[in-house]
Each structure stands twice: as C-alpha cells, then as structure tokens.
Amino acid sequence: MLTDQAYELLRCLASPVVAVTTAHAGRSNGMILDSAVRASISPRYPRLSVYIHKWHLSHDLVWKSGKLVVHLLHRGEFELIHRLGFVSGHDRADKLSGLTSRTGELGVPLLDDC
C-alpha cells in the first residue's frame, strides 16, 4: 500500500489494533478497534480506554450488558481484522461464526487465537 508522509507520521501515534467481543440477550458480536489505550498511571487501578462509536452494534451490546473482552492481536490476524472490521454486525449477524472461540465466565465470546 502506498502511503504519504502524513500517514506514516500518524502511524507513530497509533495504539495497538485490538478485537472486541461482547454479548447481550443471546446476541454476540465482534469488532476491530483502532484505539485502545492505557487510561491509568497507577498499577493499583488498571484501566483501559476504548472507543466504540454509537452506530456500531457492539456499542449497543456493551451498553446493555456492561461487558466486553479486549483481544490483543498478533501480526498474522489479517483475516480476523477483515472479518470483524469491514462488515457491520447490523448487516451480518454471524460475524463470529466459524471462529475458534469459547464463551467466557461472563457470557462473552473469547477468541482462542488472540
């Protein structure tokens, strides 16, 4: 991919790309976030700040359930990024089907390869 100097400069400021999964009332979803940053300077009170826009299905599920899982991705996760990041859960109800995952203690999908 060809990029320009401004894009390359902004890449220096980027946080890690992460996958987020959530579930509520029998519906689950996953999405890709390009902003997940440490939000605490105290190791005693670890916090993470993530930004999920209101128009995403995952926003509604997180808002209603109060639960989400943040998955750190490795370099080989391009297929997962494409699957969760380029299709809306509003348009495709089965974004997580076919992925190797399990349901965690809080009822939220845990992706196995992250």
N, C-alpha and C. Protein backbone atom coordinates (compact mmCIF):
# COMPACT_ATOMS: atom_id res chain seq x y z
N MET A 1 0.84 -1.17 0.00
CA MET A 1 0.00 0.00 0.00
C MET A 1 0.89 1.24 0.00
N LEU A 2 0.60 2.17 -0.87
CA LEU A 2 1.34 3.42 -0.92
C LEU A 2 0.78 4.39 0.10
N THR A 3 1.65 5.01 0.85
CA THR A 3 1.22 5.98 1.85
C THR A 3 2.01 7.26 1.65
N ASP A 4 1.56 8.32 2.31
CA ASP A 4 2.30 9.58 2.24
C ASP A 4 2.96 9.85 3.59
N GLN A 5 3.71 10.94 3.68
CA GLN A 5 4.47 11.25 4.90
C GLN A 5 3.54 11.49 6.08
N ALA A 6 2.42 12.15 5.87
CA ALA A 6 1.49 12.44 6.97
C ALA A 6 0.95 11.14 7.56
N TYR A 7 0.57 10.21 6.70
CA TYR A 7 0.06 8.92 7.17
C TYR A 7 1.13 8.19 7.99
N GLU A 8 2.33 8.16 7.49
CA GLU A 8 3.41 7.48 8.19
C GLU A 8 3.71 8.14 9.54
N LEU A 9 3.62 9.44 9.61
CA LEU A 9 3.82 10.15 10.88
C LEU A 9 2.71 9.77 11.86
N LEU A 10 1.47 9.75 11.41
CA LEU A 10 0.35 9.41 12.30
C LEU A 10 0.41 7.96 12.76
N ARG A 11 1.01 7.08 11.98
CA ARG A 11 1.18 5.68 12.41
C ARG A 11 2.03 5.59 13.66
N CYS A 12 2.92 6.54 13.88
CA CYS A 12 3.76 6.54 15.09
C CYS A 12 2.92 6.77 16.34
N LEU A 13 1.75 7.36 16.20
CA LEU A 13 0.89 7.66 17.33
C LEU A 13 -0.16 6.57 17.58
N ALA A 14 -0.22 5.60 16.73
CA ALA A 14 -1.29 4.60 16.79
C ALA A 14 -1.17 3.69 18.00
N SER A 15 -2.31 3.36 18.56
CA SER A 15 -2.37 2.35 19.61
C SER A 15 -2.49 0.98 18.93
N PRO A 16 -2.36 -0.09 19.68
CA PRO A 16 -2.47 -1.40 19.04
C PRO A 16 -3.88 -1.64 18.51
N VAL A 17 -3.97 -2.36 17.42
CA VAL A 17 -5.27 -2.76 16.89
C VAL A 17 -5.73 -3.97 17.70
N VAL A 18 -6.95 -3.90 18.20
CA VAL A 18 -7.49 -4.97 19.03
C VAL A 18 -8.86 -5.39 18.53
N ALA A 19 -9.24 -6.61 18.86
CA ALA A 19 -10.60 -7.08 18.61
C ALA A 19 -11.37 -6.98 19.92
N VAL A 20 -12.64 -6.64 19.82
CA VAL A 20 -13.53 -6.58 20.97
C VAL A 20 -14.69 -7.52 20.69
N THR A 21 -15.05 -8.33 21.69
CA THR A 21 -16.25 -9.14 21.59
C THR A 21 -17.17 -8.77 22.75
N THR A 22 -18.45 -8.96 22.53
CA THR A 22 -19.45 -8.65 23.54
C THR A 22 -20.68 -9.49 23.26
N ALA A 23 -21.59 -9.54 24.23
CA ALA A 23 -22.83 -10.29 24.05
C ALA A 23 -23.90 -9.74 24.98
N HIS A 24 -25.15 -9.85 24.52
CA HIS A 24 -26.29 -9.47 25.35
C HIS A 24 -27.54 -10.14 24.80
N ALA A 25 -28.34 -10.70 25.67
CA ALA A 25 -29.64 -11.28 25.33
C ALA A 25 -29.57 -12.25 24.15
N GLY A 26 -28.56 -13.13 24.17
CA GLY A 26 -28.44 -14.14 23.13
C GLY A 26 -27.79 -13.68 21.84
N ARG A 27 -27.40 -12.43 21.77
CA ARG A 27 -26.74 -11.90 20.55
C ARG A 27 -25.30 -11.58 20.90
N SER A 28 -24.37 -12.01 20.08
CA SER A 28 -22.96 -11.69 20.28
C SER A 28 -22.43 -10.99 19.05
N ASN A 29 -21.34 -10.27 19.22
CA ASN A 29 -20.73 -9.57 18.10
C ASN A 29 -19.26 -9.33 18.42
N GLY A 30 -18.53 -9.07 17.36
CA GLY A 30 -17.12 -8.71 17.49
C GLY A 30 -16.81 -7.59 16.53
N MET A 31 -15.82 -6.81 16.86
CA MET A 31 -15.41 -5.71 16.00
C MET A 31 -13.93 -5.42 16.22
N ILE A 32 -13.36 -4.64 15.33
CA ILE A 32 -11.97 -4.22 15.44
C ILE A 32 -11.94 -2.77 15.88
N LEU A 33 -11.10 -2.49 16.86
CA LEU A 33 -10.89 -1.12 17.32
C LEU A 33 -9.49 -0.68 16.94
N ASP A 34 -9.37 0.56 16.56
CA ASP A 34 -8.03 1.09 16.30
C ASP A 34 -7.61 2.03 17.42
N SER A 35 -8.36 2.01 18.53
CA SER A 35 -7.99 2.84 19.66
C SER A 35 -8.30 2.12 20.97
N ALA A 36 -7.27 1.64 21.60
CA ALA A 36 -7.36 1.04 22.93
C ALA A 36 -6.09 1.45 23.66
N VAL A 37 -6.23 2.28 24.67
CA VAL A 37 -5.05 2.81 25.34
C VAL A 37 -5.16 2.68 26.85
N ARG A 38 -4.01 2.61 27.48
CA ARG A 38 -3.94 2.59 28.94
C ARG A 38 -4.51 3.91 29.44
N ALA A 39 -5.36 3.82 30.46
CA ALA A 39 -6.02 5.03 30.97
C ALA A 39 -5.76 5.23 32.45
N SER A 40 -4.71 4.65 32.97
CA SER A 40 -4.37 4.81 34.38
C SER A 40 -2.86 4.88 34.54
N ILE A 41 -2.42 5.73 35.43
CA ILE A 41 -0.99 5.77 35.72
C ILE A 41 -0.66 4.96 36.97
N SER A 42 -1.69 4.44 37.64
CA SER A 42 -1.49 3.68 38.86
C SER A 42 -1.64 2.19 38.58
N PRO A 43 -0.62 1.39 38.90
CA PRO A 43 -0.74 -0.06 38.71
C PRO A 43 -1.81 -0.67 39.63
N ARG A 44 -2.15 0.04 40.68
CA ARG A 44 -3.17 -0.43 41.61
C ARG A 44 -4.57 -0.39 41.02
N TYR A 45 -4.79 0.52 40.08
CA TYR A 45 -6.09 0.71 39.46
C TYR A 45 -5.97 0.65 37.94
N PRO A 46 -5.75 -0.54 37.40
CA PRO A 46 -5.58 -0.64 35.94
C PRO A 46 -6.87 -0.28 35.21
N ARG A 47 -6.74 0.53 34.19
CA ARG A 47 -7.89 0.93 33.37
C ARG A 47 -7.46 0.94 31.91
N LEU A 48 -8.43 0.69 31.07
CA LEU A 48 -8.22 0.71 29.63
C LEU A 48 -9.31 1.59 29.03
N SER A 49 -8.93 2.41 28.10
CA SER A 49 -9.90 3.27 27.42
C SER A 49 -10.06 2.77 26.00
N VAL A 50 -11.29 2.45 25.63
CA VAL A 50 -11.61 2.03 24.26
C VAL A 50 -12.72 2.93 23.75
N TYR A 51 -12.77 3.08 22.45
CA TYR A 51 -13.74 3.97 21.83
C TYR A 51 -14.57 3.18 20.83
N ILE A 52 -15.86 3.03 21.16
CA ILE A 52 -16.79 2.31 20.29
C ILE A 52 -17.88 3.30 19.91
N HIS A 53 -17.96 3.63 18.64
CA HIS A 53 -18.94 4.60 18.18
C HIS A 53 -20.37 4.08 18.37
N LYS A 54 -21.28 5.00 18.62
CA LYS A 54 -22.67 4.64 18.91
C LYS A 54 -23.38 3.91 17.79
N TRP A 55 -22.95 4.08 16.56
CA TRP A 55 -23.66 3.43 15.46
C TRP A 55 -23.27 1.97 15.28
N HIS A 56 -22.28 1.48 16.03
CA HIS A 56 -21.88 0.07 15.93
C HIS A 56 -22.80 -0.81 16.78
N LEU A 57 -23.13 -1.98 16.28
CA LEU A 57 -23.92 -2.94 17.05
C LEU A 57 -23.25 -3.26 18.38
N SER A 58 -21.92 -3.38 18.36
CA SER A 58 -21.20 -3.70 19.59
C SER A 58 -21.44 -2.65 20.67
N HIS A 59 -21.60 -1.39 20.29
CA HIS A 59 -21.89 -0.34 21.27
C HIS A 59 -23.17 -0.67 22.03
N ASP A 60 -24.22 -1.03 21.30
CA ASP A 60 -25.49 -1.34 21.95
C ASP A 60 -25.36 -2.55 22.88
N LEU A 61 -24.64 -3.57 22.43
CA LEU A 61 -24.48 -4.77 23.25
C LEU A 61 -23.65 -4.49 24.50
N VAL A 62 -22.59 -3.72 24.37
CA VAL A 62 -21.77 -3.36 25.54
C VAL A 62 -22.59 -2.48 26.49
N TRP A 63 -23.30 -1.52 25.94
CA TRP A 63 -24.09 -0.59 26.76
C TRP A 63 -25.13 -1.36 27.59
N LYS A 64 -25.80 -2.33 26.96
CA LYS A 64 -26.86 -3.07 27.65
C LYS A 64 -26.31 -4.12 28.62
N SER A 65 -25.19 -4.76 28.26
CA SER A 65 -24.64 -5.82 29.11
C SER A 65 -23.60 -5.32 30.11
N GLY A 66 -22.91 -4.25 29.75
CA GLY A 66 -21.80 -3.77 30.58
C GLY A 66 -20.57 -4.66 30.48
N LYS A 67 -20.51 -5.51 29.45
CA LYS A 67 -19.42 -6.48 29.34
C LYS A 67 -18.78 -6.45 27.96
N LEU A 68 -17.46 -6.56 27.96
CA LEU A 68 -16.71 -6.72 26.72
C LEU A 68 -15.39 -7.39 27.02
N VAL A 69 -14.82 -7.98 25.99
CA VAL A 69 -13.50 -8.59 26.09
C VAL A 69 -12.62 -7.91 25.04
N VAL A 70 -11.44 -7.51 25.44
CA VAL A 70 -10.47 -6.91 24.53
C VAL A 70 -9.42 -7.97 24.22
N HIS A 71 -9.23 -8.25 22.93
CA HIS A 71 -8.29 -9.28 22.48
C HIS A 71 -7.10 -8.61 21.80
N LEU A 72 -5.91 -8.86 22.29
CA LEU A 72 -4.71 -8.38 21.63
C LEU A 72 -4.43 -9.28 20.43
N LEU A 73 -4.13 -8.69 19.31
CA LEU A 73 -3.93 -9.44 18.07
C LEU A 73 -2.45 -9.60 17.77
N HIS A 74 -2.11 -10.69 17.10
CA HIS A 74 -0.74 -10.86 16.64
C HIS A 74 -0.68 -10.51 15.16
N ARG A 75 0.49 -10.46 14.60
CA ARG A 75 0.69 -9.98 13.23
C ARG A 75 -0.04 -10.80 12.17
N GLY A 76 -0.35 -12.03 12.45
CA GLY A 76 -0.98 -12.88 11.47
C GLY A 76 -2.51 -12.85 11.47
N GLU A 77 -3.11 -11.86 12.08
CA GLU A 77 -4.55 -11.82 12.25
C GLU A 77 -5.29 -11.04 11.16
N PHE A 78 -4.75 -10.96 9.97
CA PHE A 78 -5.37 -10.15 8.91
C PHE A 78 -6.76 -10.64 8.53
N GLU A 79 -6.98 -11.94 8.50
CA GLU A 79 -8.31 -12.46 8.17
C GLU A 79 -9.33 -12.05 9.24
N LEU A 80 -8.93 -12.14 10.50
CA LEU A 80 -9.81 -11.71 11.58
C LEU A 80 -10.10 -10.21 11.50
N ILE A 81 -9.10 -9.41 11.21
CA ILE A 81 -9.29 -7.97 11.07
C ILE A 81 -10.28 -7.69 9.94
N HIS A 82 -10.12 -8.37 8.83
CA HIS A 82 -11.03 -8.17 7.71
C HIS A 82 -12.45 -8.59 8.08
N ARG A 83 -12.58 -9.74 8.71
CA ARG A 83 -13.90 -10.27 9.05
C ARG A 83 -14.64 -9.40 10.07
N LEU A 84 -13.94 -8.95 11.10
CA LEU A 84 -14.61 -8.17 12.16
C LEU A 84 -14.59 -6.67 11.90
N GLY A 85 -13.68 -6.22 11.04
CA GLY A 85 -13.52 -4.79 10.86
C GLY A 85 -14.14 -4.18 9.63
N PHE A 86 -14.50 -5.01 8.65
CA PHE A 86 -15.00 -4.46 7.40
C PHE A 86 -16.46 -4.80 7.12
N VAL A 87 -17.11 -5.46 8.08
CA VAL A 87 -18.52 -5.81 7.95
C VAL A 87 -19.22 -5.42 9.25
N SER A 88 -20.37 -4.80 9.13
CA SER A 88 -21.13 -4.39 10.31
C SER A 88 -21.95 -5.56 10.86
N GLY A 89 -22.03 -5.64 12.17
CA GLY A 89 -22.90 -6.62 12.80
C GLY A 89 -24.37 -6.35 12.52
N HIS A 90 -24.70 -5.12 12.15
CA HIS A 90 -26.07 -4.81 11.74
C HIS A 90 -26.42 -5.51 10.43
N ASP A 91 -25.40 -5.72 9.57
CA ASP A 91 -25.62 -6.33 8.26
C ASP A 91 -25.38 -7.84 8.25
N ARG A 92 -24.55 -8.31 9.16
CA ARG A 92 -24.21 -9.74 9.20
C ARG A 92 -24.26 -10.22 10.64
N ALA A 93 -25.27 -11.00 10.96
CA ALA A 93 -25.49 -11.42 12.34
C ALA A 93 -24.51 -12.49 12.81
N ASP A 94 -23.78 -13.12 11.91
CA ASP A 94 -22.93 -14.25 12.28
C ASP A 94 -21.44 -13.95 12.15
N LYS A 95 -21.02 -12.75 12.48
CA LYS A 95 -19.61 -12.37 12.30
C LYS A 95 -18.65 -13.29 13.05
N LEU A 96 -19.09 -13.86 14.16
CA LEU A 96 -18.21 -14.71 14.96
C LEU A 96 -18.30 -16.19 14.59
N SER A 97 -19.28 -16.57 13.75
CA SER A 97 -19.42 -17.99 13.42
C SER A 97 -18.21 -18.46 12.61
N GLY A 98 -17.78 -19.67 12.92
CA GLY A 98 -16.62 -20.23 12.23
C GLY A 98 -15.29 -19.88 12.88
N LEU A 99 -15.30 -18.93 13.80
CA LEU A 99 -14.07 -18.59 14.52
C LEU A 99 -13.92 -19.54 15.70
N THR A 100 -12.69 -19.89 16.02
CA THR A 100 -12.45 -20.74 17.17
C THR A 100 -12.56 -19.87 18.42
N SER A 101 -13.60 -20.14 19.20
CA SER A 101 -13.83 -19.33 20.41
C SER A 101 -14.56 -20.18 21.43
N ARG A 102 -14.69 -19.62 22.60
CA ARG A 102 -15.46 -20.24 23.68
C ARG A 102 -16.14 -19.12 24.45
N THR A 103 -17.15 -19.45 25.19
CA THR A 103 -17.85 -18.45 25.99
C THR A 103 -17.16 -18.35 27.34
N GLY A 104 -16.80 -17.14 27.72
CA GLY A 104 -16.13 -16.91 28.99
C GLY A 104 -17.10 -16.92 30.17
N GLU A 105 -16.56 -16.77 31.36
CA GLU A 105 -17.36 -16.80 32.60
C GLU A 105 -18.46 -15.75 32.61
N LEU A 106 -18.24 -14.62 31.94
CA LEU A 106 -19.22 -13.54 31.93
C LEU A 106 -20.21 -13.65 30.76
N GLY A 107 -20.12 -14.74 29.99
CA GLY A 107 -21.03 -14.93 28.87
C GLY A 107 -20.62 -14.23 27.59
N VAL A 108 -19.37 -13.78 27.53
CA VAL A 108 -18.87 -13.06 26.36
C VAL A 108 -17.89 -13.97 25.60
N PRO A 109 -17.95 -13.98 24.26
CA PRO A 109 -17.05 -14.84 23.49
C PRO A 109 -15.57 -14.48 23.70
N LEU A 110 -14.76 -15.51 23.87
CA LEU A 110 -13.30 -15.37 23.96
C LEU A 110 -12.70 -15.99 22.70
N LEU A 111 -12.01 -15.23 21.92
CA LEU A 111 -11.38 -15.73 20.69
C LEU A 111 -10.12 -16.49 21.07
N ASP A 112 -9.99 -17.71 20.58
CA ASP A 112 -8.89 -18.59 21.02
C ASP A 112 -7.51 -18.17 20.56
N ASP A 113 -7.38 -17.59 19.39
CA ASP A 113 -6.06 -17.34 18.83
C ASP A 113 -5.52 -15.95 19.12
N CYS A 114 -6.06 -15.28 20.11
CA CYS A 114 -5.60 -13.92 20.42
C CYS A 114 -4.89 -13.90 21.75
